Amino acid sequence: MTDRPFDGKVALVTGAAAGIGRAAALAFAERGAVVLVSDIDDTAGEALATEIEAAGGRACFQRADATAEADVVSLVARARSTFGGLHLAFNNVGFSWGRGIGDLTVEDWDRTVAVSMRAPWLCMKHELPVMRESGGGAIVNTASMAGVAYAPEANIAYSAAKAGVIQMTRYAANAVAADHIRVNCVSPGLTRTAAVERFLDARQQQELAAQTQPIGRIIEPSEVADAVIWLCSSGAAMVTGENICVAGGQQAR
């Protein structure tokens, strides 16, 4: 692999202001991609784009709520108008909190499903035409181990939505393979993100990692980003419709 395998490629990362999205945006830029950074956190998103440019890369930030179709349309149009197309996309949004089945409200359900499943569908819907125009590309969606197996830290809506992301990914992979577009997803296990740290202290994180993962430690955002980068690379040219578990072996239990 060359040091800059994504030279000449345009990458879009949603949920890029922190955690896994931030790690992936930096990794795309380090490998030569022009990166369109998107999030609802303007301050952190702008700071990330500035950081990439200060390191010699090319990036810009556009605020977008990925659950709102008008925002997604504008975001993808920005990739075309500013950078000339779109080749790589990491659709990385979702949230959850640990409410029980009986404690979850209808509003909680609707918001969780909108962020965790509707958003990646909207992104794919509008990314795919521009990728076709650009000659093909690769999409990675963020699913979750909560969509693969029981995850005590997640709620039922999040688990159902992330299982839906996995199946949407398989469907899309079949639908667009002839257009030279590959579609895959990653399912992280317990990962060291701000969202996790809001609900679990360091001791609780370690205990949950030991309980759920054979490797027995919390996952770093950069380790998930590594899988995203590989799925977008030429090394994964024959990989599509797959769900890659980055979970310390949790899927094997």
C-alpha atoms as a PDB file:
ATOM      1  CA  MET A   1       0.000   0.000   0.000  1.00  0.00           C
ATOM      2  CA  THR A   2       1.222   3.473  -0.799  1.00  0.00           C
ATOM      3  CA  ASP A   3       1.417   6.119   1.885  1.00  0.00           C
ATOM      4  CA  ARG A   4      -1.406   8.106   0.249  1.00  0.00           C
ATOM      5  CA  PRO A   5      -3.772   5.542  -1.291  1.00  0.00           C
ATOM      6  CA  PHE A   6      -6.676   8.008  -1.368  1.00  0.00           C
ATOM      7  CA  ASP A   7      -4.966  10.765  -3.362  1.00  0.00           C
ATOM      8  CA  GLY A   8      -7.548  12.320  -5.669  1.00  0.00           C
ATOM      9  CA  LYS A   9     -10.470  10.908  -3.685  1.00  0.00           C
ATOM     10  CA  VAL A  10     -13.178  12.855  -1.894  1.00  0.00           C
ATOM     11  CA  ALA A  11     -14.389  11.443   1.425  1.00  0.00           C
ATOM     12  CA  LEU A  12     -17.496  12.459   3.364  1.00  0.00           C
ATOM     13  CA  VAL A  13     -17.680  11.694   7.092  1.00  0.00           C
ATOM     14  CA  THR A  14     -20.817  12.342   9.124  1.00  0.00           C
ATOM     15  CA  GLY A  15     -20.709  12.376  12.904  1.00  0.00           C
ATOM     16  CA  ALA A  16     -17.135  13.529  12.446  1.00  0.00           C
ATOM     17  CA  ALA A  17     -16.683  15.920  15.357  1.00  0.00           C
ATOM     18  CA  ALA A  18     -15.689  13.300  17.926  1.00  0.00           C
ATOM     19  CA  GLY A  19     -14.919   9.665  18.597  1.00  0.00           C
ATOM     20  CA  ILE A  20     -14.910   7.187  15.730  1.00  0.00           C
ATOM     21  CA  GLY A  21     -15.932   9.781  13.133  1.00  0.00           C
ATOM     22  CA  ARG A  22     -13.116  12.108  14.096  1.00  0.00           C
ATOM     23  CA  ALA A  23     -10.580   9.269  13.998  1.00  0.00           C
ATOM     24  CA  ALA A  24     -11.803   8.219  10.556  1.00  0.00           C
ATOM     25  CA  ALA A  25     -11.720  11.760   9.149  1.00  0.00           C
ATOM     26  CA  LEU A  26      -8.121  12.166  10.297  1.00  0.00           C
ATOM     27  CA  ALA A  27      -7.204   8.778   8.841  1.00  0.00           C
ATOM     28  CA  PHE A  28      -8.753   9.595   5.451  1.00  0.00           C
ATOM     29  CA  ALA A  29      -6.858  12.889   5.366  1.00  0.00           C
ATOM     30  CA  GLU A  30      -3.562  11.273   6.354  1.00  0.00           C
ATOM     31  CA  ARG A  31      -3.961   8.928   3.395  1.00  0.00           C
ATOM     32  CA  GLY A  32      -4.522  11.714   0.899  1.00  0.00           C
ATOM     33  CA  ALA A  33      -8.290  12.110   0.695  1.00  0.00           C
ATOM     34  CA  VAL A  34      -9.986  15.471   0.606  1.00  0.00           C
ATOM     35  CA  VAL A  35     -12.399  15.304   3.547  1.00  0.00           C
ATOM     36  CA  LEU A  36     -15.820  16.882   3.904  1.00  0.00           C
ATOM     37  CA  VAL A  37     -16.384  16.914   7.655  1.00  0.00           C
ATOM     38  CA  SER A  38     -19.969  16.998   8.912  1.00  0.00           C
ATOM     39  CA  ASP A  39     -21.624  17.071  12.320  1.00  0.00           C
ATOM     40  CA  ILE A  40     -24.177  19.037  14.336  1.00  0.00           C
ATOM     41  CA  ASP A  41     -21.345  20.312  16.558  1.00  0.00           C
ATOM     42  CA  ASP A  42     -20.134  23.369  14.654  1.00  0.00           C
ATOM     43  CA  THR A  43     -17.253  24.212  16.966  1.00  0.00           C
ATOM     44  CA  ALA A  44     -15.679  20.748  17.037  1.00  0.00           C
ATOM     45  CA  GLY A  45     -16.353  20.184  13.343  1.00  0.00           C
ATOM     46  CA  GLU A  46     -14.709  23.432  12.286  1.00  0.00           C
ATOM     47  CA  ALA A  47     -11.773  22.687  14.594  1.00  0.00           C
ATOM     48  CA  LEU A  48     -11.289  19.275  12.987  1.00  0.00           C
ATOM     49  CA  ALA A  49     -11.273  20.712   9.464  1.00  0.00           C
ATOM     50  CA  THR A  50      -8.752  23.329  10.589  1.00  0.00           C
ATOM     51  CA  GLU A  51      -6.589  20.626  12.184  1.00  0.00           C
ATOM     52  CA  ILE A  52      -6.560  18.604   8.965  1.00  0.00           C
ATOM     53  CA  GLU A  53      -5.580  21.637   6.907  1.00  0.00           C
ATOM     54  CA  ALA A  54      -2.876  22.635   9.398  1.00  0.00           C
ATOM     55  CA  ALA A  55      -1.357  19.172   8.955  1.00  0.00           C
ATOM     56  CA  GLY A  56      -1.184  19.663   5.184  1.00  0.00           C
ATOM     57  CA  GLY A  57      -4.462  18.047   4.185  1.00  0.00           C
ATOM     58  CA  ARG A  58      -7.584  19.434   2.541  1.00  0.00           C
ATOM     59  CA  ALA A  59     -10.860  19.615   4.405  1.00  0.00           C
ATOM     60  CA  CYS A  60     -13.931  21.710   4.983  1.00  0.00           C
ATOM     61  CA  PHE A  61     -16.784  21.536   7.451  1.00  0.00           C
ATOM     62  CA  GLN A  62     -20.497  21.690   6.792  1.00  0.00           C
ATOM     63  CA  ARG A  63     -23.046  21.433   9.549  1.00  0.00           C
ATOM     64  CA  ALA A  64     -25.739  18.867   8.822  1.00  0.00           C
ATOM     65  CA  ASP A  65     -28.366  16.989  10.769  1.00  0.00           C
ATOM     66  CA  ALA A  66     -28.228  13.638   8.999  1.00  0.00           C
ATOM     67  CA  THR A  67     -31.835  12.874   9.963  1.00  0.00           C
ATOM     68  CA  ALA A  68     -33.020  15.874   7.911  1.00  0.00           C
ATOM     69  CA  GLU A  69     -33.176  15.167   4.181  1.00  0.00           C
ATOM     70  CA  ALA A  70     -32.655  18.796   3.166  1.00  0.00           C
ATOM     71  CA  ASP A  71     -29.422  18.898   5.187  1.00  0.00           C
ATOM     72  CA  VAL A  72     -28.178  15.688   3.570  1.00  0.00           C
ATOM     73  CA  VAL A  73     -29.026  16.947   0.071  1.00  0.00           C
ATOM     74  CA  SER A  74     -27.076  20.140   0.756  1.00  0.00           C
ATOM     75  CA  LEU A  75     -24.155  18.206   2.228  1.00  0.00           C
ATOM     76  CA  VAL A  76     -23.733  15.884  -0.740  1.00  0.00           C
ATOM     77  CA  ALA A  77     -24.170  18.812  -3.131  1.00  0.00           C
ATOM     78  CA  ARG A  78     -21.282  20.495  -1.310  1.00  0.00           C
ATOM     79  CA  ALA A  79     -19.041  17.519  -2.069  1.00  0.00           C
ATOM     80  CA  ARG A  80     -19.846  17.874  -5.756  1.00  0.00           C
ATOM     81  CA  SER A  81     -19.643  21.664  -5.977  1.00  0.00           C
ATOM     82  CA  THR A  82     -16.544  22.185  -3.828  1.00  0.00           C
ATOM     83  CA  PHE A  83     -14.504  19.075  -4.590  1.00  0.00           C
ATOM     84  CA  GLY A  84     -15.959  17.805  -7.862  1.00  0.00           C
ATOM     85  CA  GLY A  85     -17.514  14.541  -6.740  1.00  0.00           C
ATOM     86  CA  LEU A  86     -17.660  11.875  -4.057  1.00  0.00           C
ATOM     87  CA  HIS A  87     -15.774   8.593  -3.824  1.00  0.00           C
ATOM     88  CA  LEU A  88     -15.798   7.532  -0.160  1.00  0.00           C
ATOM     89  CA  ALA A  89     -18.424   7.948   2.556  1.00  0.00           C
ATOM     90  CA  PHE A  90     -18.499   6.999   6.215  1.00  0.00           C
ATOM     91  CA  ASN A  91     -22.057   7.330   7.504  1.00  0.00           C
ATOM     92  CA  ASN A  92     -21.412   7.476  11.206  1.00  0.00           C
ATOM     93  CA  VAL A  93     -24.264   8.670  13.380  1.00  0.00           C
ATOM     94  CA  GLY A  94     -26.280   7.072  16.141  1.00  0.00           C
ATOM     95  CA  PHE A  95     -26.987   7.294  19.818  1.00  0.00           C
ATOM     96  CA  SER A  96     -28.455   5.289  22.666  1.00  0.00           C
ATOM     97  CA  TRP A  97     -28.974   5.341  26.370  1.00  0.00           C
ATOM     98  CA  GLY A  98     -29.642   2.475  28.738  1.00  0.00           C
ATOM     99  CA  ARG A  99     -33.373   2.636  29.305  1.00  0.00           C
ATOM    100  CA  GLY A 100     -35.304  -0.572  29.788  1.00  0.00           C
ATOM    101  CA  ILE A 101     -38.040  -1.758  27.422  1.00  0.00           C
ATOM    102  CA  GLY A 102     -40.765  -0.394  29.671  1.00  0.00           C
ATOM    103  CA  ASP A 103     -39.044   2.938  30.314  1.00  0.00           C
ATOM    104  CA  LEU A 104     -38.499   3.916  26.682  1.00  0.00           C
ATOM    105  CA  THR A 105     -41.009   6.481  25.415  1.00  0.00           C
ATOM    106  CA  VAL A 106     -42.395   6.666  21.888  1.00  0.00           C
ATOM    107  CA  GLU A 107     -40.410   9.873  21.447  1.00  0.00           C
ATOM    108  CA  ASP A 108     -37.228   8.072  22.573  1.00  0.00           C
ATOM    109  CA  TRP A 109     -37.906   5.291  20.065  1.00  0.00           C
ATOM    110  CA  ASP A 110     -38.591   7.638  17.167  1.00  0.00           C
ATOM    111  CA  ARG A 111     -35.526   9.790  17.809  1.00  0.00           C
ATOM    112  CA  THR A 112     -33.224   6.796  18.253  1.00  0.00           C
ATOM    113  CA  VAL A 113     -34.421   5.117  15.061  1.00  0.00           C
ATOM    114  CA  ALA A 114     -34.215   8.402  13.141  1.00  0.00           C
ATOM    115  CA  VAL A 115     -30.599   9.006  14.126  1.00  0.00           C
ATOM    116  CA  SER A 116     -29.405   5.413  14.002  1.00  0.00           C
ATOM    117  CA  MET A 117     -31.220   4.070  10.916  1.00  0.00           C
ATOM    118  CA  ARG A 118     -32.971   6.802   8.931  1.00  0.00           C
ATOM    119  CA  ALA A 119     -29.817   8.931   8.797  1.00  0.00           C
ATOM    120  CA  PRO A 120     -27.591   6.345   7.073  1.00  0.00           C
ATOM    121  CA  TRP A 121     -30.395   5.539   4.643  1.00  0.00           C
ATOM    122  CA  LEU A 122     -30.772   9.222   3.746  1.00  0.00           C
ATOM    123  CA  CYS A 123     -27.019   9.526   3.338  1.00  0.00           C
ATOM    124  CA  MET A 124     -26.827   6.514   1.024  1.00  0.00           C
ATOM    125  CA  LYS A 125     -29.851   7.720  -0.953  1.00  0.00           C
ATOM    126  CA  HIS A 126     -28.117  10.962  -1.852  1.00  0.00           C
ATOM    127  CA  GLU A 127     -24.493   9.778  -1.920  1.00  0.00           C
ATOM    128  CA  LEU A 128     -25.066   7.034  -4.458  1.00  0.00           C
ATOM    129  CA  PRO A 129     -25.982   9.202  -7.485  1.00  0.00           C
ATOM    130  CA  VAL A 130     -22.890  11.371  -6.977  1.00  0.00           C
ATOM    131  CA  MET A 131     -20.699   8.290  -6.543  1.00  0.00           C
ATOM    132  CA  ARG A 132     -22.045   6.911  -9.816  1.00  0.00           C
ATOM    133  CA  GLU A 133     -21.139  10.181 -11.527  1.00  0.00           C
ATOM    134  CA  SER A 134     -17.678   9.941  -9.935  1.00  0.00           C
ATOM    135  CA  GLY A 135     -17.051   6.470 -11.358  1.00  0.00           C
ATOM    136  CA  GLY A 136     -17.785   4.389  -8.274  1.00  0.00           C
ATOM    137  CA  GLY A 137     -16.656   4.302  -4.688  1.00  0.00           C
ATOM    138  CA  ALA A 138     -17.141   2.816  -1.253  1.00  0.00           C
ATOM    139  CA  ILE A 139     -19.595   3.444   1.557  1.00  0.00           C
ATOM    140  CA  VAL A 140     -19.215   2.318   5.152  1.00  0.00           C
ATOM    141  CA  ASN A 141     -22.103   2.576   7.604  1.00  0.00           C
ATOM    142  CA  THR A 142     -21.684   2.439  11.364  1.00  0.00           C
ATOM    143  CA  ALA A 143     -23.766  -0.356  12.833  1.00  0.00           C
ATOM    144  CA  SER A 144     -23.055  -1.773  16.307  1.00  0.00           C
ATOM    145  CA  MET A 145     -22.566  -4.985  18.211  1.00  0.00           C
ATOM    146  CA  ALA A 146     -25.936  -4.089  19.727  1.00  0.00           C
ATOM    147  CA  GLY A 147     -27.371  -4.979  16.317  1.00  0.00           C
ATOM    148  CA  VAL A 148     -25.614  -8.353  16.338  1.00  0.00           C
ATOM    149  CA  ALA A 149     -26.048  -9.608  19.895  1.00  0.00           C
ATOM    150  CA  TYR A 150     -27.525  -8.526  23.214  1.00  0.00           C
ATOM    151  CA  ALA A 151     -25.714  -5.453  24.503  1.00  0.00           C
ATOM    152  CA  PRO A 152     -26.739  -4.520  28.061  1.00  0.00           C
ATOM    153  CA  GLU A 153     -25.507  -0.951  27.673  1.00  0.00           C
ATOM    154  CA  ALA A 154     -27.859  -0.263  24.720  1.00  0.00           C
ATOM    155  CA  ASN A 155     -31.616   0.145  24.544  1.00  0.00           C
ATOM    156  CA  ILE A 156     -34.060  -1.859  22.444  1.00  0.00           C
ATOM    157  CA  ALA A 157     -34.621   0.885  19.860  1.00  0.00           C
ATOM    158  CA  TYR A 158     -30.899   1.335  19.241  1.00  0.00           C
ATOM    159  CA  SER A 159     -30.384  -2.424  18.985  1.00  0.00           C
ATOM    160  CA  ALA A 160     -33.215  -2.775  16.473  1.00  0.00           C
ATOM    161  CA  ALA A 161     -32.043   0.230  14.453  1.00  0.00           C
ATOM    162  CA  LYS A 162     -28.466  -1.000  14.229  1.00  0.00           C
ATOM    163  CA  ALA A 163     -29.657  -4.445  13.132  1.00  0.00           C
ATOM    164  CA  GLY A 164     -31.567  -2.559  10.454  1.00  0.00           C
ATOM    165  CA  VAL A 165     -28.386  -0.783   9.360  1.00  0.00           C
ATOM    166  CA  ILE A 166     -26.702  -4.149   8.824  1.00  0.00           C
ATOM    167  CA  GLN A 167     -29.543  -5.364   6.609  1.00  0.00           C
ATOM    168  CA  MET A 168     -29.766  -2.026   4.729  1.00  0.00           C
ATOM    169  CA  THR A 169     -26.061  -2.358   4.021  1.00  0.00           C
ATOM    170  CA  ARG A 170     -26.515  -5.827   2.542  1.00  0.00           C
ATOM    171  CA  TYR A 171     -29.436  -4.652   0.434  1.00  0.00           C
ATOM    172  CA  ALA A 172     -27.559  -1.627  -0.883  1.00  0.00           C
ATOM    173  CA  ALA A 173     -24.455  -3.691  -1.644  1.00  0.00           C
ATOM    174  CA  ASN A 174     -26.475  -5.915  -3.953  1.00  0.00           C
ATOM    175  CA  ALA A 175     -28.351  -3.017  -5.528  1.00  0.00           C
ATOM    176  CA  VAL A 176     -25.300  -0.956  -6.525  1.00  0.00           C
ATOM    177  CA  ALA A 177     -22.544  -3.497  -7.173  1.00  0.00           C
ATOM    178  CA  ALA A 178     -22.919  -3.050 -10.929  1.00  0.00           C
ATOM    179  CA  ASP A 179     -22.171   0.650 -10.454  1.00  0.00           C
ATOM    180  CA  HIS A 180     -18.729  -0.167  -9.014  1.00  0.00           C
ATOM    181  CA  ILE A 181     -19.841   0.927  -5.550  1.00  0.00           C
ATOM    182  CA  ARG A 182     -19.171  -1.227  -2.523  1.00  0.00           C
ATOM    183  CA  VAL A 183     -21.229  -0.908   0.667  1.00  0.00           C
ATOM    184  CA  ASN A 184     -20.160  -2.365   4.003  1.00  0.00           C
ATOM    185  CA  CYS A 185     -20.652  -1.645   7.676  1.00  0.00           C
ATOM    186  CA  VAL A 186     -18.665  -1.848  10.886  1.00  0.00           C
ATOM    187  CA  SER A 187     -20.063  -2.979  14.218  1.00  0.00           C
ATOM    188  CA  PRO A 188     -17.970  -1.611  17.075  1.00  0.00           C
ATOM    189  CA  GLY A 189     -18.126  -3.096  20.520  1.00  0.00           C
ATOM    190  CA  LEU A 190     -17.652  -0.951  23.610  1.00  0.00           C
ATOM    191  CA  THR A 191     -15.526   1.939  22.348  1.00  0.00           C
ATOM    192  CA  ARG A 192     -13.876   4.778  24.233  1.00  0.00           C
ATOM    193  CA  THR A 193     -16.029   7.703  23.116  1.00  0.00           C
ATOM    194  CA  ALA A 194     -17.461  10.724  24.880  1.00  0.00           C
ATOM    195  CA  ALA A 195     -20.912   9.155  24.677  1.00  0.00           C
ATOM    196  CA  VAL A 196     -19.728   6.049  26.541  1.00  0.00           C
ATOM    197  CA  GLU A 197     -17.827   8.107  29.087  1.00  0.00           C
ATOM    198  CA  ARG A 198     -20.973  10.083  29.904  1.00  0.00           C
ATOM    199  CA  PHE A 199     -22.650   6.917  31.164  1.00  0.00           C
ATOM    200  CA  LEU A 200     -19.785   4.729  32.387  1.00  0.00           C
ATOM    201  CA  ASP A 201     -16.742   5.620  34.460  1.00  0.00           C
ATOM    202  CA  ALA A 202     -13.363   3.985  33.753  1.00  0.00           C
ATOM    203  CA  ARG A 203     -13.980   1.089  36.150  1.00  0.00           C
ATOM    204  CA  GLN A 204     -17.418   0.376  34.692  1.00  0.00           C
ATOM    205  CA  GLN A 205     -16.030   0.503  31.153  1.00  0.00           C
ATOM    206  CA  GLN A 206     -13.355  -2.045  32.001  1.00  0.00           C
ATOM    207  CA  GLU A 207     -15.816  -4.320  33.782  1.00  0.00           C
ATOM    208  CA  LEU A 208     -18.224  -4.246  30.837  1.00  0.00           C
ATOM    209  CA  ALA A 209     -15.421  -4.857  28.337  1.00  0.00           C
ATOM    210  CA  ALA A 210     -14.213  -7.845  30.371  1.00  0.00           C
ATOM    211  CA  GLN A 211     -17.765  -9.165  30.585  1.00  0.00           C
ATOM    212  CA  THR A 212     -18.586  -8.869  26.877  1.00  0.00           C
ATOM    213  CA  GLN A 213     -15.291  -9.255  24.984  1.00  0.00           C
ATOM    214  CA  PRO A 214     -12.777 -12.133  25.057  1.00  0.00           C
ATOM    215  CA  ILE A 215      -9.916  -9.656  24.562  1.00  0.00           C
ATOM    216  CA  GLY A 216     -11.295  -7.848  27.576  1.00  0.00           C
ATOM    217  CA  ARG A 217     -10.490  -4.184  27.038  1.00  0.00           C
ATOM    218  CA  ILE A 218     -12.269  -1.149  25.691  1.00  0.00           C
ATOM    219  CA  ILE A 219     -11.792  -0.406  21.981  1.00  0.00           C
ATOM    220  CA  GLU A 220     -10.109   2.791  20.816  1.00  0.00           C
ATOM    221  CA  PRO A 221     -11.810   4.916  18.120  1.00  0.00           C
ATOM    222  CA  SER A 222      -8.710   4.618  15.923  1.00  0.00           C
ATOM    223  CA  GLU A 223      -9.100   0.825  15.893  1.00  0.00           C
ATOM    224  CA  VAL A 224     -12.579   1.155  14.404  1.00  0.00           C
ATOM    225  CA  ALA A 225     -11.305   3.794  11.975  1.00  0.00           C
ATOM    226  CA  ASP A 226      -8.643   1.333  10.787  1.00  0.00           C
ATOM    227  CA  ALA A 227     -11.404  -1.068   9.729  1.00  0.00           C
ATOM    228  CA  VAL A 228     -13.264   1.733   7.949  1.00  0.00           C
ATOM    229  CA  ILE A 229     -10.129   2.727   6.045  1.00  0.00           C
ATOM    230  CA  TRP A 230      -9.481  -0.861   4.989  1.00  0.00           C
ATOM    231  CA  LEU A 231     -13.054  -1.290   3.754  1.00  0.00           C
ATOM    232  CA  CYS A 232     -12.622   1.826   1.603  1.00  0.00           C
ATOM    233  CA  SER A 233      -9.251   0.714   0.242  1.00  0.00           C
ATOM    234  CA  SER A 234      -8.282  -1.283  -2.833  1.00  0.00           C
ATOM    235  CA  GLY A 235      -7.327  -4.101  -0.476  1.00  0.00           C
ATOM    236  CA  ALA A 236     -11.049  -4.656   0.099  1.00  0.00           C
ATOM    237  CA  ALA A 237     -11.957  -4.546  -3.603  1.00  0.00           C
ATOM    238  CA  MET A 238     -13.850  -7.853  -3.348  1.00  0.00           C
ATOM    239  CA  VAL A 239     -15.533  -7.062  -0.040  1.00  0.00           C
ATOM    240  CA  THR A 240     -19.101  -5.775  -0.141  1.00  0.00           C
ATOM    241  CA  GLY A 241     -22.244  -6.419   1.872  1.00  0.00           C
ATOM    242  CA  GLU A 242     -20.164  -7.305   4.920  1.00  0.00           C
ATOM    243  CA  ASN A 243     -20.518  -6.368   8.560  1.00  0.00           C
ATOM    244  CA  ILE A 244     -17.067  -6.173  10.142  1.00  0.00           C
ATOM    245  CA  CYS A 245     -17.201  -6.616  13.917  1.00  0.00           C
ATOM    246  CA  VAL A 246     -14.537  -4.581  15.706  1.00  0.00           C
ATOM    247  CA  ALA A 247     -15.402  -5.934  19.094  1.00  0.00           C
ATOM    248  CA  GLY A 248     -12.566  -7.862  20.683  1.00  0.00           C
ATOM    249  CA  GLY A 249     -14.249 -11.161  19.824  1.00  0.00           C
ATOM    250  CA  GLN A 250     -17.655 -10.290  21.297  1.00  0.00           C
ATOM    251  CA  GLN A 251     -19.385 -11.756  18.248  1.00  0.00           C
ATOM    252  CA  ALA A 252     -17.797 -15.155  18.987  1.00  0.00           C
ATOM    253  CA  ARG A 253     -19.432 -15.470  22.405  1.00  0.00           C
END
